[in-house]
Amino acid sequence: MAGVLSTPPAAAATAAAGTVDHGSIQQRQLVPLLMKLKWALWKRSYRKNVGKLVGTIIGVLYATGGLVGLVFTFLGLTLWSGEGTMFPTIIRGLGAVTVLAWLLIPVLAFGVDDTLDPRRFAMFPRSAKELQPGMFAAAALSLPTLLTVVAVGIATVFEVIWLLAFGAGAVWVALALIVLLPANLAGIALCLLLPRAVFAHSASRTSSRSGRELGGMVAMMLFLAAVYGISLSVQGLESLDMDLVREWTMIAVTVLAWTPFGALFAVPMDLAEGQVLAALLRVLIGAATIVLVWRWWRRSLDRSLTSALTGDASSGTAKVTSLVPRWATASPFGAVMGRSLRYWRRDTRYLAAVAIYPLVFVFLVAMGLVLEEARPMMLVMAVLMAGLTGISLSNEIGFDGPAGWVNITAGLDARANLLGRIAAIAVLMAPAAVVVTALVPLLYGMAHLVPMMVLGTLGLMLTGWGVSVVVGVLLPYPTSPPGTNPMKDKSASSANAFLGMGAASLGVFVPQLPAIGLAAWGLLGGGPLIQGLAGLLSLIIGIVVLWVGVRIGSARLDARYPDLFQKVRDHL
C-alpha cells in the first residue's frame, strides 16, 4: 500500500540508475549544441531591437563596400599594373592589421560582450576542456567572421593569381600554393581565438563590479584617444612627407610580419620569394601562438568557471572610511558632498559623464597646435565644453534611484542635498577647467585672453549647475543601476531624458547671451577692457543663476520629494 512516505516512481528510477549522468549530453553532441545556442541567442538579440538591426545593416553595407574596394585594390596590384612588387607587402600588412583588429576591437569596444560568457556554464558539469571546442565553433557564427572569411578568400584568390604570374620559380610557387590555404585558415583561427581568450581572461580576473567598471572606462578612453589621434593625423596630411610615410610603413609591415599577428599570413609570400628560413620561422611563431593562446583560453575558462561559483572577488575586502571628507564639516552638507564624491569616483554612470572631457580638451589643444587658423574656434570650444560639464547634475534624483528613500526618511535638508552635490562636482571639475582654459591661450600665444576665458568658464559652470538642479527636480527619470556598462545604458532613451538634457544644455547658454555678446564685441575690437568686463559679467550671471536655481530646486524638493521618488524608485 502506497503511503505518504513511499518512494515516488521518479526517485526510484533515479536510484536505480545509480549515477547522475543518466541521459547527459555526450561530448560529440556538445559542439553542435553550443553552435545552436549561439545562433538562437544571436537571433533573439535582434528582436524588438530596431536600433541594433539598423546598425548591423549599415555596418554590413559599409563592409560590402570595403570588400569591393579590396577587390579593385588587388586588381590594380596584380592584373592591371603589370607588376606585383608591392603585392607581398600589402598582403603581409593587411594580414597583420586583420589579426590586430580582431584583438583590439573587442577590447576597446567595451560595449561588446561575449555571447557565450563562460561564467554562465559554471553550474553545468562540464570542464573547460569539454566546452572549449564547442565555444570555438560557436565563435565562428558571427557576421564579423563571415566578412573576414570573405575578405581572406578574396585575398587568397589574388594570391594565387600573383603566384602564377609573378612567383620566383616553379618550385617556390608550388610550395606557396600548397601552404596558402592552411596558412590563411590558421590566420583566421587565430583571429577567432584571440578575442575568446581575452573575454575569458576578463571574466576570470574582473568578476568584481569595480574591475569591470575600471576596465570599461579605460577601454573607452583608449578608444576615444585612438579616434582623436586618427582625426589629428588626417588634419595634418597636407604637411606630411609621403616618401617618409611610405618608408616607415614598409618598416612597420616588416616588423609586424615577425610578430604573432602577421606571421601566418606572411608565410606563402615568403615561400614565393624563396625565403624558406623566414617562412619556417614564421610557421613556428604562428603555431606556437595558436597553442599558447589556446592554453591561455582554457586556463581562463577554468578560472572563470570557478570564480562564478565563489562569488564577487571583492566581497569582504572593501575598506570602510568616513563618509564626510576630513576637510569638510560634519554636517548634512558634508555628508552629501562626501557621498557624491564617492559616486563620481566609483560609479560608471557618473564617470562616463565626465571621462570624455579630458580627451576633448587634449584634442582641442592639439588641433590648435596643428592648425593655426583653427585656434580661435578651439578657444571657444574649450570654454563651451568646460561650461557643459555642469549639466552632468541634471538627473541627480534619478541617479539616486531606490536609495533616495534614505534622504526622505532621514529628513535631509533639501538645500544641503543640492549644495553638497554641486560642491562635489565643483571640487572635481572647477580646478581642472580653470587650469585648462588658462593654459590653452598661453600655448597659442594669446595670453591677453586668459582673464576672459577663466572668468567665462567659471560663469558657464555656475550657470550649468544652477540650471541643472532645477531640471533635476522638475524632470527626473529612472536610470540603469550602478555599474552598468555605459554602452548599454538605457537611461537616455526616455522622453524625460531628451527633454531634460535639452533644457539643461539650452539653459547654460541662454542666460549668458549678454556676456557672450559683450565678449564678441571685445574680440572684434573692443580691447582687453571689454573682454575682461565680459568675463566678469559671465561670472555674475552664473552666481545669480546658481542662487536662483538652488532656491527653486530646494523648494521643489521639499514639497514634492516623495512624488519624485516614485518616478525613479526602480532602475531600468
Protein backbone atom coordinates (compact mmCIF):
# COMPACT_ATOMS: atom_id res chain seq x y z
CA MET A 1 0.00 0.00 0.00
CA ALA A 2 1.35 3.35 -1.02
CA GLY A 3 1.71 5.84 1.79
CA VAL A 4 2.90 9.36 2.22
CA LEU A 5 6.43 8.12 2.94
CA SER A 6 6.66 5.77 -0.01
CA THR A 7 9.29 6.37 -2.68
CA PRO A 8 7.97 8.20 -5.80
CA PRO A 9 8.48 6.47 -9.15
CA ALA A 10 10.85 9.21 -10.38
CA ALA A 11 13.04 8.91 -7.29
CA ALA A 12 13.07 5.14 -7.60
CA ALA A 13 14.14 5.42 -11.23
CA THR A 14 16.93 7.83 -10.32
CA ALA A 15 18.15 5.50 -7.55
CA ALA A 16 18.06 2.55 -9.93
CA ALA A 17 20.16 4.44 -12.45
CA GLY A 18 22.96 4.55 -9.90
CA THR A 19 24.57 7.72 -11.32
CA VAL A 20 23.52 11.29 -12.01
CA ASP A 21 24.73 11.33 -15.62
CA HIS A 22 21.82 9.33 -16.95
CA GLY A 23 20.66 10.97 -20.19
CA SER A 24 23.52 13.53 -20.22
CA ILE A 25 24.81 15.09 -23.45
CA GLN A 26 27.81 13.34 -24.91
CA GLN A 27 30.96 15.25 -25.81
CA ARG A 28 30.45 14.93 -29.57
CA GLN A 29 26.99 16.48 -29.21
CA LEU A 30 28.28 19.48 -27.26
CA VAL A 31 29.77 21.26 -30.28
CA PRO A 32 26.55 21.43 -32.35
CA LEU A 33 24.57 22.23 -29.19
CA LEU A 34 26.70 25.27 -28.39
CA MET A 35 26.51 26.39 -32.01
CA LYS A 36 22.70 26.18 -31.88
CA LEU A 37 22.71 28.10 -28.61
CA LYS A 38 24.87 30.85 -30.10
CA TRP A 39 22.61 31.04 -33.16
CA ALA A 40 19.46 31.26 -31.01
CA LEU A 41 20.96 33.99 -28.81
CA TRP A 42 22.16 35.92 -31.83
CA LYS A 43 18.70 35.90 -33.44
CA ARG A 44 17.00 36.81 -30.19
CA SER A 45 19.28 39.84 -29.73
CA TYR A 46 17.61 41.47 -32.75
CA ARG A 47 14.05 41.01 -31.56
CA LYS A 48 12.45 44.33 -30.65
CA ASN A 49 15.84 46.00 -31.10
CA VAL A 50 15.41 48.08 -34.22
CA GLY A 51 18.48 50.17 -33.47
CA LYS A 52 20.77 47.17 -33.45
CA LEU A 53 19.19 45.83 -36.63
CA VAL A 54 19.63 49.15 -38.44
CA GLY A 55 23.20 49.45 -37.16
CA THR A 56 24.01 45.93 -38.36
CA ILE A 57 22.57 46.60 -41.81
CA ILE A 58 24.57 49.82 -42.12
CA GLY A 59 27.71 48.02 -40.94
CA VAL A 60 27.21 45.23 -43.48
CA LEU A 61 26.74 47.77 -46.27
CA TYR A 62 29.97 49.54 -45.30
CA ALA A 63 31.76 46.19 -45.09
CA THR A 64 30.46 45.21 -48.52
CA GLY A 65 31.80 48.45 -49.92
CA GLY A 66 35.14 47.68 -48.28
CA LEU A 67 35.22 44.22 -49.85
CA VAL A 68 34.52 45.72 -53.28
CA GLY A 69 37.32 48.21 -52.71
CA LEU A 70 39.61 45.34 -51.71
CA VAL A 71 38.87 43.55 -54.98
CA PHE A 72 39.76 46.62 -57.07
CA THR A 73 42.89 47.23 -54.99
CA PHE A 74 44.11 43.71 -55.64
CA LEU A 75 43.20 44.01 -59.33
CA GLY A 76 45.34 47.13 -59.55
CA LEU A 77 48.25 45.42 -57.82
CA THR A 78 48.19 42.26 -59.95
CA LEU A 79 46.47 42.29 -63.32
CA TRP A 80 46.23 45.96 -64.24
CA SER A 81 49.64 47.18 -63.08
CA GLY A 82 51.60 44.52 -64.98
CA GLU A 83 53.88 44.02 -61.97
CA GLY A 84 53.43 42.82 -58.42
CA THR A 85 56.30 44.22 -56.38
CA MET A 86 54.04 45.78 -53.76
CA PHE A 87 51.61 42.89 -53.52
CA PRO A 88 53.51 40.79 -50.92
CA THR A 89 53.93 43.84 -48.69
CA ILE A 90 50.21 44.63 -48.95
CA ILE A 91 49.29 41.03 -48.07
CA ARG A 92 51.61 40.99 -45.05
CA GLY A 93 50.32 44.34 -43.83
CA LEU A 94 46.64 43.51 -44.29
CA GLY A 95 47.10 40.16 -42.56
CA ALA A 96 48.69 41.75 -39.50
CA VAL A 97 46.04 44.51 -39.39
CA THR A 98 43.27 41.90 -39.59
CA VAL A 99 44.56 39.95 -36.59
CA LEU A 100 45.20 43.15 -34.63
CA ALA A 101 41.67 44.36 -35.38
CA TRP A 102 40.19 41.11 -34.08
CA LEU A 103 42.20 41.56 -30.89
CA LEU A 104 41.73 45.29 -30.29
CA ILE A 105 38.16 45.99 -31.38
CA PRO A 106 36.51 43.68 -28.79
CA VAL A 107 38.89 45.03 -26.13
CA LEU A 108 38.40 48.71 -26.90
CA ALA A 109 34.71 48.50 -27.85
CA PHE A 110 33.79 47.81 -24.23
CA GLY A 111 30.09 47.61 -25.04
CA VAL A 112 30.77 44.26 -26.69
CA ASP A 113 30.18 41.21 -24.52
CA ASP A 114 30.89 37.56 -25.09
CA THR A 115 27.58 35.95 -26.06
CA LEU A 116 28.61 32.62 -24.54
CA ASP A 117 30.02 34.00 -21.31
CA PRO A 118 31.88 31.11 -19.66
CA ARG A 119 30.54 32.08 -16.23
CA ARG A 120 27.07 31.08 -17.37
CA PHE A 121 28.22 27.46 -17.65
CA ALA A 122 29.55 27.28 -14.09
CA MET A 123 26.56 25.29 -12.81
CA PHE A 124 26.83 22.64 -15.50
CA PRO A 125 29.02 19.52 -15.06
CA ARG A 126 31.39 20.46 -17.86
CA SER A 127 35.06 21.33 -17.72
CA ALA A 128 36.83 23.98 -19.75
CA LYS A 129 38.42 21.26 -21.88
CA GLU A 130 34.99 19.96 -22.84
CA LEU A 131 33.47 23.39 -23.50
CA GLN A 132 36.37 24.84 -25.48
CA PRO A 133 35.84 23.12 -28.89
CA GLY A 134 32.15 23.98 -28.94
CA MET A 135 32.76 27.58 -27.89
CA PHE A 136 35.40 27.93 -30.61
CA ALA A 137 32.99 26.58 -33.24
CA ALA A 138 30.23 28.85 -31.95
CA ALA A 139 32.56 31.85 -32.21
CA ALA A 140 32.60 31.35 -35.98
CA LEU A 141 28.84 32.05 -36.14
CA SER A 142 29.01 35.81 -36.48
CA LEU A 143 28.92 38.46 -39.17
CA PRO A 144 32.49 39.63 -38.48
CA THR A 145 33.70 36.08 -39.00
CA LEU A 146 31.78 35.77 -42.26
CA LEU A 147 33.14 39.08 -43.54
CA THR A 148 36.67 38.13 -42.51
CA VAL A 149 36.41 34.78 -44.28
CA VAL A 150 35.16 36.50 -47.44
CA ALA A 151 37.99 39.06 -47.28
CA VAL A 152 40.62 36.35 -46.77
CA GLY A 153 39.01 34.35 -49.58
CA ILE A 154 39.34 37.33 -51.92
CA ALA A 155 42.97 37.77 -50.88
CA THR A 156 43.59 34.04 -51.41
CA VAL A 157 42.26 34.18 -54.99
CA PHE A 158 44.52 37.10 -55.85
CA GLU A 159 47.45 35.47 -54.09
CA VAL A 160 47.02 32.51 -56.41
CA ILE A 161 46.92 34.86 -59.41
CA TRP A 162 50.02 36.70 -58.20
CA LEU A 163 51.90 33.47 -57.51
CA LEU A 164 51.22 32.17 -61.01
CA ALA A 165 52.09 35.48 -62.66
CA PHE A 166 55.00 36.79 -60.59
CA GLY A 167 56.26 33.91 -58.42
CA ALA A 168 60.05 33.34 -58.27
CA GLY A 169 60.37 29.86 -59.76
CA ALA A 170 58.04 26.89 -60.24
CA VAL A 171 59.23 25.08 -57.08
CA TRP A 172 58.66 28.07 -54.83
CA VAL A 173 55.29 28.77 -56.42
CA ALA A 174 54.23 25.15 -55.85
CA LEU A 175 55.29 25.26 -52.22
CA ALA A 176 53.49 28.58 -51.70
CA LEU A 177 50.32 27.20 -53.27
CA ILE A 178 50.45 24.15 -51.00
CA VAL A 179 50.69 26.17 -47.77
CA LEU A 180 48.50 29.06 -48.91
CA LEU A 181 45.14 27.73 -47.77
CA PRO A 182 46.36 26.18 -44.46
CA ALA A 183 48.25 29.36 -43.55
CA ASN A 184 45.25 31.59 -44.23
CA LEU A 185 42.90 29.27 -42.34
CA ALA A 186 45.32 29.26 -39.41
CA GLY A 187 45.31 33.05 -39.52
CA ILE A 188 41.51 33.08 -39.35
CA ALA A 189 41.63 30.63 -36.44
CA LEU A 190 43.98 32.98 -34.59
CA CYS A 191 41.55 35.85 -35.25
CA LEU A 192 38.80 33.85 -33.55
CA LEU A 193 40.96 32.65 -30.67
CA LEU A 194 42.37 35.99 -29.53
CA PRO A 195 39.08 37.71 -28.55
CA ARG A 196 37.76 34.48 -26.97
CA ALA A 197 40.86 34.27 -24.77
CA VAL A 198 40.62 37.96 -23.87
CA PHE A 199 36.93 37.66 -22.95
CA ALA A 200 37.57 34.58 -20.83
CA HIS A 201 40.52 36.24 -19.13
CA SER A 202 38.39 39.30 -18.37
CA ALA A 203 35.65 37.10 -16.95
CA SER A 204 38.14 35.35 -14.68
CA ARG A 205 40.01 38.45 -13.48
CA THR A 206 37.24 41.07 -13.25
CA SER A 207 34.35 39.26 -11.65
CA SER A 208 34.00 42.18 -9.23
CA ARG A 209 31.95 45.11 -10.39
CA SER A 210 34.73 47.59 -9.73
CA GLY A 211 37.06 45.67 -12.02
CA ARG A 212 34.53 45.64 -14.83
CA GLU A 213 33.87 49.35 -14.41
CA LEU A 214 37.56 50.26 -14.46
CA GLY A 215 38.23 48.08 -17.47
CA GLY A 216 35.32 49.58 -19.35
CA MET A 217 36.32 53.16 -18.65
CA VAL A 218 39.97 52.57 -19.59
CA ALA A 219 38.83 50.91 -22.80
CA MET A 220 36.59 53.85 -23.64
CA MET A 221 39.42 56.32 -23.01
CA LEU A 222 41.81 54.34 -25.24
CA PHE A 223 39.23 54.05 -27.99
CA LEU A 224 38.45 57.77 -28.00
CA ALA A 225 42.16 58.60 -27.86
CA ALA A 226 42.70 56.46 -30.96
CA VAL A 227 39.80 58.18 -32.76
CA TYR A 228 41.12 61.64 -31.88
CA GLY A 229 44.62 60.62 -32.92
CA ILE A 230 43.40 59.48 -36.33
CA SER A 231 41.45 62.71 -36.74
CA LEU A 232 44.53 64.79 -35.95
CA SER A 233 46.60 62.75 -38.39
CA VAL A 234 44.08 63.36 -41.16
CA GLN A 235 44.14 67.10 -40.46
CA GLY A 236 47.88 67.18 -40.96
CA LEU A 237 48.09 65.08 -44.14
CA GLU A 238 48.99 68.04 -46.36
CA SER A 239 52.23 68.65 -44.49
CA LEU A 240 53.32 65.03 -44.45
CA ASP A 241 56.32 63.77 -46.40
CA MET A 242 54.75 60.87 -48.32
CA ASP A 243 58.12 59.29 -49.11
CA LEU A 244 58.91 59.21 -45.39
CA VAL A 245 55.47 57.79 -44.62
CA ARG A 246 55.97 55.05 -47.22
CA GLU A 247 59.39 54.22 -45.78
CA TRP A 248 58.06 53.94 -42.23
CA THR A 249 55.08 51.91 -43.44
CA MET A 250 57.41 49.37 -45.03
CA ILE A 251 59.39 49.16 -41.80
CA ALA A 252 56.20 48.69 -39.76
CA VAL A 253 54.96 45.92 -42.06
CA THR A 254 58.32 44.16 -41.88
CA VAL A 255 58.26 44.27 -38.09
CA LEU A 256 54.63 43.13 -37.82
CA ALA A 257 55.33 40.19 -40.12
CA TRP A 258 57.72 38.86 -37.47
CA THR A 259 55.14 39.13 -34.71
CA PRO A 260 52.37 36.61 -33.94
CA PHE A 261 49.90 38.99 -35.60
CA GLY A 262 51.39 38.88 -39.08
CA ALA A 263 53.48 35.71 -39.19
CA LEU A 264 50.89 33.24 -40.54
CA PHE A 265 49.61 35.38 -43.43
CA ALA A 266 53.20 36.15 -44.49
CA VAL A 267 54.30 32.52 -44.93
CA PRO A 268 53.06 31.99 -48.55
CA MET A 269 54.66 35.23 -49.70
CA ASP A 270 57.97 34.21 -48.10
CA LEU A 271 57.98 30.91 -49.98
CA ALA A 272 57.04 32.62 -53.23
CA GLU A 273 60.10 34.87 -52.81
CA GLY A 274 62.34 31.93 -51.96
CA GLN A 275 62.78 32.86 -48.28
CA VAL A 276 62.48 29.34 -46.85
CA LEU A 277 64.11 30.07 -43.49
CA ALA A 278 61.89 33.09 -42.88
CA ALA A 279 58.82 31.02 -43.79
CA LEU A 280 59.81 28.22 -41.38
CA LEU A 281 60.44 30.65 -38.54
CA ARG A 282 57.09 32.33 -39.12
CA VAL A 283 55.34 28.96 -39.16
CA LEU A 284 56.86 28.24 -35.76
CA ILE A 285 55.82 31.67 -34.46
CA GLY A 286 52.25 31.21 -35.70
CA ALA A 287 51.90 27.63 -34.45
CA ALA A 288 53.34 28.49 -31.05
CA THR A 289 50.97 31.48 -30.80
CA ILE A 290 47.91 29.36 -31.53
CA VAL A 291 48.96 26.73 -28.97
CA LEU A 292 49.72 29.30 -26.29
CA VAL A 293 46.51 31.26 -26.88
CA TRP A 294 44.50 28.02 -26.83
CA ARG A 295 46.05 27.03 -23.49
CA TRP A 296 45.59 30.56 -22.12
CA TRP A 297 41.96 30.45 -23.13
CA ARG A 298 41.46 27.07 -21.44
CA ARG A 299 43.12 28.24 -18.25
CA SER A 300 40.99 31.41 -18.23
CA LEU A 301 37.87 29.32 -18.79
CA ASP A 302 38.75 27.18 -15.78
CA ARG A 303 39.30 30.24 -13.61
CA SER A 304 36.13 31.99 -14.78
CA LEU A 305 34.04 28.87 -14.13
CA THR A 306 35.48 28.75 -10.62
CA SER A 307 35.15 32.48 -9.92
CA ALA A 308 31.49 32.42 -10.96
CA LEU A 309 30.80 29.93 -8.17
CA THR A 310 32.96 31.58 -5.50
CA GLY A 311 31.29 34.96 -5.93
CA ASP A 312 32.45 38.56 -6.12
CA ALA A 313 36.20 38.85 -5.87
CA SER A 314 35.94 41.99 -3.81
CA SER A 315 33.45 40.72 -1.25
CA GLY A 316 34.52 41.49 2.30
CA THR A 317 37.65 43.39 1.26
CA ALA A 318 36.24 46.90 0.98
CA LYS A 319 37.87 49.42 3.28
CA VAL A 320 35.41 51.37 5.42
CA THR A 321 36.16 55.10 5.54
CA SER A 322 34.35 58.15 6.83
CA LEU A 323 31.63 59.44 4.54
CA VAL A 324 32.41 63.10 5.31
CA PRO A 325 35.80 64.22 3.92
CA ARG A 326 38.33 65.33 6.53
CA TRP A 327 38.41 68.87 5.21
CA ALA A 328 34.59 69.26 5.26
CA THR A 329 32.29 69.98 8.19
CA ALA A 330 30.42 67.09 9.81
CA SER A 331 27.01 68.23 8.61
CA PRO A 332 24.32 67.15 6.13
CA PHE A 333 26.11 69.23 3.51
CA GLY A 334 29.43 67.45 4.19
CA ALA A 335 27.77 64.03 4.12
CA VAL A 336 26.09 64.69 0.79
CA MET A 337 29.30 66.05 -0.70
CA GLY A 338 31.29 63.05 0.54
CA ARG A 339 28.74 60.61 -0.86
CA SER A 340 28.70 62.42 -4.21
CA LEU A 341 32.50 62.37 -4.39
CA ARG A 342 32.39 58.61 -3.96
CA TYR A 343 29.81 58.34 -6.72
CA TRP A 344 31.98 60.38 -9.09
CA ARG A 345 34.96 58.18 -8.26
CA ARG A 346 33.32 54.74 -8.36
CA ASP A 347 30.12 54.76 -10.42
CA THR A 348 30.46 54.39 -14.21
CA ARG A 349 27.22 56.29 -14.71
CA TYR A 350 29.00 59.35 -13.29
CA LEU A 351 32.42 58.57 -14.73
CA ALA A 352 31.05 58.20 -18.26
CA ALA A 353 29.54 61.69 -17.99
CA VAL A 354 32.91 63.39 -17.44
CA ALA A 355 35.56 60.94 -18.64
CA ILE A 356 35.38 62.26 -22.18
CA TYR A 357 36.21 65.85 -21.22
CA PRO A 358 39.97 65.39 -20.62
CA LEU A 359 40.34 63.78 -24.04
CA VAL A 360 38.29 66.52 -25.68
CA PHE A 361 40.50 69.20 -24.12
CA VAL A 362 43.64 67.43 -25.28
CA PHE A 363 42.16 67.12 -28.76
CA LEU A 364 41.27 70.81 -28.87
CA VAL A 365 44.75 71.86 -27.80
CA ALA A 366 46.40 69.54 -30.30
CA MET A 367 44.10 70.69 -33.10
CA GLY A 368 45.03 74.32 -32.44
CA LEU A 369 48.72 73.48 -32.45
CA VAL A 370 48.41 71.58 -35.75
CA LEU A 371 46.14 74.13 -37.48
CA GLU A 372 46.96 77.70 -36.51
CA GLU A 373 43.90 79.12 -38.28
CA ALA A 374 41.64 76.96 -36.07
CA ARG A 375 42.89 78.41 -32.78
CA PRO A 376 40.07 80.94 -32.20
CA MET A 377 37.46 78.22 -32.69
CA MET A 378 39.37 75.88 -30.37
CA LEU A 379 39.40 78.54 -27.64
CA VAL A 380 35.63 78.98 -27.94
CA MET A 381 35.12 75.21 -27.88
CA ALA A 382 37.29 74.87 -24.76
CA VAL A 383 35.13 77.37 -22.85
CA LEU A 384 31.88 75.80 -24.07
CA MET A 385 33.00 72.29 -23.16
CA ALA A 386 34.01 73.44 -19.69
CA GLY A 387 30.61 75.05 -19.26
CA LEU A 388 28.78 71.93 -20.37
CA THR A 389 30.28 69.93 -17.52
CA GLY A 390 27.60 71.47 -15.31
CA ILE A 391 24.76 69.58 -17.00
CA SER A 392 26.10 66.35 -15.51
CA LEU A 393 23.95 67.22 -12.48
CA SER A 394 20.71 67.35 -14.46
CA ASN A 395 19.42 63.98 -13.18
CA GLU A 396 20.82 63.65 -9.67
CA ILE A 397 17.49 62.47 -8.22
CA GLY A 398 17.29 59.80 -10.91
CA PHE A 399 20.84 58.62 -10.19
CA ASP A 400 19.85 58.09 -6.55
CA GLY A 401 17.20 55.61 -7.68
CA PRO A 402 15.91 53.29 -4.94
CA ALA A 403 18.46 54.73 -2.48
CA GLY A 404 16.60 58.03 -2.48
CA TRP A 405 14.33 56.80 0.33
CA VAL A 406 17.22 57.37 2.76
CA ASN A 407 17.13 61.12 2.10
CA ILE A 408 13.36 61.18 2.67
CA THR A 409 13.25 59.15 5.88
CA ALA A 410 16.27 60.94 7.34
CA GLY A 411 14.65 64.32 6.75
CA LEU A 412 17.68 65.58 4.83
CA ASP A 413 17.57 69.33 4.24
CA ALA A 414 16.87 69.93 0.55
CA ARG A 415 19.28 72.86 0.30
CA ALA A 416 22.14 70.81 1.79
CA ASN A 417 21.19 67.94 -0.51
CA LEU A 418 21.61 70.07 -3.63
CA LEU A 419 24.57 72.17 -2.49
CA GLY A 420 26.51 69.06 -1.46
CA ARG A 421 26.16 67.61 -4.96
CA ILE A 422 27.21 70.91 -6.54
CA ALA A 423 30.22 71.15 -4.22
CA ALA A 424 31.34 67.63 -5.20
CA ILE A 425 31.42 68.34 -8.93
CA ALA A 426 33.00 71.75 -8.24
CA VAL A 427 35.86 70.07 -6.36
CA LEU A 428 36.43 67.69 -9.24
CA MET A 429 35.89 69.86 -12.30
CA ALA A 430 36.43 73.54 -11.44
CA PRO A 431 40.21 73.46 -10.78
CA ALA A 432 40.90 71.41 -13.90
CA ALA A 433 38.65 73.60 -16.07
CA VAL A 434 40.33 76.78 -14.82
CA VAL A 435 43.81 75.38 -15.44
CA VAL A 436 42.91 74.23 -18.95
CA THR A 437 41.24 77.48 -20.02
CA ALA A 438 44.18 79.45 -18.66
CA LEU A 439 46.80 77.19 -20.25
CA VAL A 440 45.31 76.94 -23.75
CA PRO A 441 45.60 80.67 -24.57
CA LEU A 442 49.17 80.67 -23.27
CA LEU A 443 50.06 77.77 -25.57
CA TYR A 444 48.51 79.62 -28.50
CA GLY A 445 50.34 82.88 -27.71
CA MET A 446 47.14 84.69 -26.69
CA ALA A 447 47.85 85.43 -23.05
CA HIS A 448 45.64 88.56 -23.10
CA LEU A 449 42.56 86.29 -23.36
CA VAL A 450 43.28 84.40 -20.12
CA PRO A 451 41.15 86.61 -17.78
CA MET A 452 38.10 86.49 -20.06
CA MET A 453 38.37 82.74 -20.62
CA VAL A 454 38.83 81.84 -16.95
CA LEU A 455 36.00 84.10 -15.76
CA GLY A 456 33.77 82.97 -18.63
CA THR A 457 34.43 79.33 -17.84
CA LEU A 458 33.52 79.80 -14.18
CA GLY A 459 30.39 81.72 -15.18
CA LEU A 460 29.23 78.98 -17.56
CA MET A 461 29.91 76.26 -15.00
CA LEU A 462 27.95 78.11 -12.29
CA THR A 463 25.10 78.62 -14.75
CA GLY A 464 25.11 74.95 -15.66
CA TRP A 465 24.92 73.90 -12.01
CA GLY A 466 22.05 76.28 -11.28
CA VAL A 467 20.04 75.20 -14.31
CA SER A 468 20.77 71.51 -13.73
CA VAL A 469 19.45 71.41 -10.15
CA VAL A 470 16.16 72.91 -11.38
CA VAL A 471 15.91 70.46 -14.28
CA GLY A 472 16.83 67.58 -11.96
CA VAL A 473 13.88 68.21 -9.62
CA LEU A 474 11.41 69.02 -12.41
CA LEU A 475 12.19 66.24 -14.90
CA PRO A 476 13.81 63.29 -13.10
CA TYR A 477 13.88 59.98 -14.95
CA PRO A 478 14.90 56.46 -13.90
CA THR A 479 18.40 55.27 -14.73
CA SER A 480 20.17 51.98 -15.16
CA PRO A 481 21.65 50.52 -11.96
CA PRO A 482 25.16 51.39 -10.72
CA GLY A 483 27.92 49.56 -12.54
CA THR A 484 26.01 49.46 -15.84
CA ASN A 485 28.14 49.34 -18.94
CA PRO A 486 27.89 52.89 -20.40
CA MET A 487 27.42 51.46 -23.89
CA LYS A 488 24.34 49.57 -22.66
CA ASP A 489 22.87 52.32 -20.51
CA LYS A 490 19.22 52.86 -21.44
CA SER A 491 18.80 55.95 -19.26
CA ALA A 492 18.82 58.43 -22.14
CA SER A 493 16.08 56.67 -24.13
CA SER A 494 13.04 58.23 -22.44
CA ALA A 495 11.20 61.43 -23.37
CA ASN A 496 12.09 62.98 -20.00
CA ALA A 497 15.76 62.27 -20.66
CA PHE A 498 15.73 64.03 -24.03
CA LEU A 499 13.71 66.92 -22.64
CA GLY A 500 15.85 67.24 -19.50
CA MET A 501 19.19 67.18 -21.29
CA GLY A 502 17.91 69.58 -23.96
CA ALA A 503 16.61 72.03 -21.37
CA ALA A 504 19.83 71.86 -19.35
CA SER A 505 22.03 72.36 -22.42
CA LEU A 506 19.94 75.31 -23.62
CA GLY A 507 19.73 76.77 -20.12
CA VAL A 508 23.51 77.01 -19.85
CA PHE A 509 23.79 79.49 -22.73
CA VAL A 510 20.56 81.50 -22.77
CA PRO A 511 21.27 83.42 -19.52
CA GLN A 512 24.81 84.04 -20.75
CA LEU A 513 23.80 85.71 -24.02
CA PRO A 514 24.61 89.25 -22.75
CA ALA A 515 28.09 88.13 -21.69
CA ILE A 516 28.59 86.27 -24.98
CA GLY A 517 27.63 89.39 -26.94
CA LEU A 518 29.98 91.56 -24.88
CA ALA A 519 32.80 89.03 -25.39
CA ALA A 520 32.23 89.09 -29.15
CA TRP A 521 32.49 92.88 -29.10
CA GLY A 522 35.72 92.69 -27.11
CA LEU A 523 37.26 90.17 -29.50
CA LEU A 524 36.25 92.10 -32.61
CA GLY A 525 37.90 95.33 -31.50
CA GLY A 526 36.68 96.34 -28.08
CA GLY A 527 40.02 95.67 -26.46
CA PRO A 528 41.14 93.92 -23.25
CA LEU A 529 38.90 96.04 -21.01
CA ILE A 530 35.72 94.93 -22.77
CA GLN A 531 36.98 91.36 -22.78
CA GLY A 532 37.56 91.47 -19.02
CA LEU A 533 34.13 93.00 -18.44
CA ALA A 534 32.59 90.22 -20.50
CA GLY A 535 34.23 87.59 -18.30
CA LEU A 536 33.15 89.42 -15.14
CA LEU A 537 29.57 89.71 -16.41
CA SER A 538 29.55 85.99 -17.17
CA LEU A 539 30.68 85.22 -13.62
CA ILE A 540 27.99 87.48 -12.11
CA ILE A 541 25.28 85.90 -14.25
CA GLY A 542 26.49 82.44 -13.20
CA ILE A 543 26.31 83.36 -9.50
CA VAL A 544 22.77 84.72 -9.90
CA VAL A 545 21.57 81.68 -11.87
CA LEU A 546 23.09 79.32 -9.29
CA TRP A 547 21.43 81.18 -6.40
CA VAL A 548 18.03 81.20 -8.11
CA GLY A 549 18.40 77.58 -9.20
CA VAL A 550 19.21 76.34 -5.71
CA ARG A 551 16.25 78.24 -4.24
CA ILE A 552 13.82 76.85 -6.82
CA GLY A 553 15.25 73.33 -6.56
CA SER A 554 15.18 73.33 -2.76
CA ALA A 555 11.56 74.49 -2.65
CA ARG A 556 10.50 71.88 -5.20
CA LEU A 557 12.40 69.12 -3.43
CA ASP A 558 10.88 69.99 -0.06
CA ALA A 559 7.37 69.97 -1.47
CA ARG A 560 7.49 67.00 -3.88
CA TYR A 561 10.33 64.66 -2.88
CA PRO A 562 8.05 61.61 -2.28
CA ASP A 563 6.41 62.15 -5.68
CA LEU A 564 9.79 62.48 -7.38
CA PHE A 565 10.97 59.31 -5.64
CA GLN A 566 8.04 57.39 -7.11
CA LYS A 567 9.30 58.26 -10.61
CA VAL A 568 12.81 56.94 -10.05
CA ARG A 569 12.35 54.26 -7.39
CA ASP A 570 13.08 51.42 -9.83
CA HIS A 571 16.16 51.06 -12.01
CA LEU A 572 15.71 50.34 -15.70
